[in-house]
Amino acid sequence: QVQLVESGGGLVQAGGSLRLSCAASGRTFSGYVMGWFRQAPGKEREFVAAISRGGVTNYADSVKGRFTISRDNAKITLYLQMNSLKPEDTAVYYCAAELAGSDYWGQGTQVTVSS
């Protein structure tokens, strides 16, 4: 089992940047597929980005070229670098981990982008 704690959210102006972090517990972090999801008010939770055990990345079309997902297995931490932020990126961002069919979620961190 793994526990996930996100940090790094906040208020930023359009065009600005933020870096989200997700600190994980557990020795098997390197074995998990990790990802970021987000949920805006009144909308369903949506996929943002994912990174495999081997470092292969995948992004939603809406964030390609602006967001970068990375992981540091030694620090058991997942990151999401967000550049060129837009008001439509405003949401609660969740860190997620998947291993052998089991999913784990963090509590979320709020990102607000003002126009």
Protein backbone atom coordinates (compact mmCIF):
# COMPACT_ATOMS: atom_id res chain seq x y z
CA GLN A 1 0.00 0.00 0.00
CA VAL A 2 1.11 3.58 -0.61
CA GLN A 3 0.05 6.92 0.82
CA LEU A 4 0.23 10.05 -1.31
CA VAL A 5 0.46 13.69 -0.21
CA GLU A 6 0.33 16.50 -2.77
CA SER A 7 1.75 19.99 -2.34
CA GLY A 8 2.66 23.01 -4.43
CA GLY A 9 -0.74 24.27 -5.45
CA GLY A 10 -1.74 27.90 -5.21
CA LEU A 11 -2.91 31.01 -7.01
CA VAL A 12 -1.04 32.11 -10.13
CA GLN A 13 -1.71 34.50 -13.00
CA ALA A 14 -2.33 33.24 -16.50
CA GLY A 15 0.97 32.50 -18.22
CA GLY A 16 2.66 31.66 -14.95
CA SER A 17 4.10 28.40 -13.65
CA LEU A 18 3.65 26.06 -10.72
CA ARG A 19 5.33 22.83 -9.70
CA LEU A 20 3.28 20.22 -7.93
CA SER A 21 4.86 17.52 -5.80
CA CYS A 22 3.47 14.23 -4.58
CA ALA A 23 5.32 12.61 -1.71
CA ALA A 24 4.72 8.89 -1.47
CA SER A 25 5.26 6.41 1.31
CA GLY A 26 6.24 2.82 0.78
CA ARG A 27 9.25 0.98 -0.52
CA THR A 28 7.70 -0.10 -3.79
CA PHE A 29 7.24 3.38 -5.27
CA SER A 30 9.39 2.54 -8.25
CA GLY A 31 6.99 -0.25 -9.14
CA TYR A 32 3.94 1.98 -9.42
CA VAL A 33 2.53 3.68 -12.47
CA MET A 34 2.00 7.26 -11.33
CA GLY A 35 -0.25 9.96 -12.63
CA TRP A 36 -1.92 13.31 -12.14
CA PHE A 37 -5.62 13.96 -12.50
CA ARG A 38 -7.68 17.10 -11.96
CA GLN A 39 -11.24 18.04 -11.19
CA ALA A 40 -12.69 21.46 -11.89
CA PRO A 41 -15.88 22.69 -10.17
CA GLY A 42 -18.94 21.03 -11.66
CA LYS A 43 -16.88 18.72 -13.86
CA GLU A 44 -15.75 15.12 -13.69
CA ARG A 45 -12.23 14.19 -12.73
CA GLU A 46 -9.99 14.02 -15.80
CA PHE A 47 -6.63 12.59 -16.71
CA VAL A 48 -3.71 15.02 -16.94
CA ALA A 49 -0.50 13.01 -17.23
CA ALA A 50 1.05 9.66 -16.36
CA ILE A 51 4.50 8.13 -16.09
CA SER A 52 5.31 4.45 -16.23
CA ARG A 53 7.77 2.53 -14.09
CA GLY A 54 10.32 2.97 -16.84
CA GLY A 55 9.73 6.68 -17.26
CA VAL A 56 7.50 6.64 -20.33
CA THR A 57 5.14 9.61 -20.20
CA ASN A 58 1.67 10.29 -21.51
CA TYR A 59 -0.29 13.56 -21.51
CA ALA A 60 -3.78 14.82 -22.11
CA ASP A 61 -3.97 16.84 -25.31
CA SER A 62 -4.99 19.91 -23.33
CA VAL A 63 -1.65 20.05 -21.47
CA LYS A 64 0.82 18.71 -24.04
CA GLY A 65 3.78 21.04 -24.47
CA ARG A 66 2.95 22.93 -21.27
CA PHE A 67 3.10 20.34 -18.48
CA THR A 68 5.89 17.89 -17.65
CA ILE A 69 5.51 14.87 -15.39
CA SER A 70 8.55 13.33 -13.73
CA ARG A 71 9.41 11.03 -10.87
CA ASP A 72 12.34 10.67 -8.51
CA ASN A 73 12.33 7.10 -7.26
CA ALA A 74 15.14 7.79 -4.79
CA LYS A 75 13.07 10.57 -3.16
CA ILE A 76 9.82 8.62 -3.77
CA THR A 77 8.29 11.77 -5.18
CA LEU A 78 6.23 12.55 -8.25
CA TYR A 79 6.26 16.00 -9.87
CA LEU A 80 4.16 17.99 -12.30
CA GLN A 81 5.79 21.08 -13.77
CA MET A 82 3.06 23.32 -15.15
CA ASN A 83 4.01 26.19 -17.46
CA SER A 84 1.98 28.66 -19.50
CA LEU A 85 -0.97 28.13 -17.19
CA LYS A 86 -4.44 29.07 -18.37
CA PRO A 87 -7.60 29.88 -16.41
CA GLU A 88 -9.07 26.59 -17.65
CA ASP A 89 -6.32 24.75 -15.77
CA THR A 90 -8.00 25.79 -12.53
CA ALA A 91 -8.88 22.62 -10.61
CA VAL A 92 -8.02 20.40 -7.70
CA TYR A 93 -5.07 18.29 -8.79
CA TYR A 94 -4.77 14.72 -7.53
CA CYS A 95 -1.82 12.39 -7.49
CA ALA A 96 -2.55 8.74 -8.19
CA ALA A 97 -0.66 5.47 -8.10
CA GLU A 98 -1.51 2.11 -9.62
CA LEU A 99 0.00 -1.29 -8.96
CA ALA A 100 -1.40 -4.70 -9.80
CA GLY A 101 -4.90 -3.35 -10.30
CA SER A 102 -5.04 -1.35 -7.08
CA ASP A 103 -5.40 2.44 -7.21
CA TYR A 104 -4.35 4.96 -4.58
CA TRP A 105 -5.16 8.67 -4.42
CA GLY A 106 -3.91 11.71 -2.60
CA GLN A 107 -6.14 14.31 -1.00
CA GLY A 108 -5.60 16.88 -3.77
CA THR A 109 -4.12 20.34 -4.02
CA GLN A 110 -5.92 23.40 -5.38
CA VAL A 111 -4.55 25.23 -8.41
CA THR A 112 -6.20 28.52 -9.34
CA VAL A 113 -5.19 30.45 -12.44
CA SER A 114 -6.44 34.02 -12.67
CA SER A 115 -6.98 35.79 -15.98
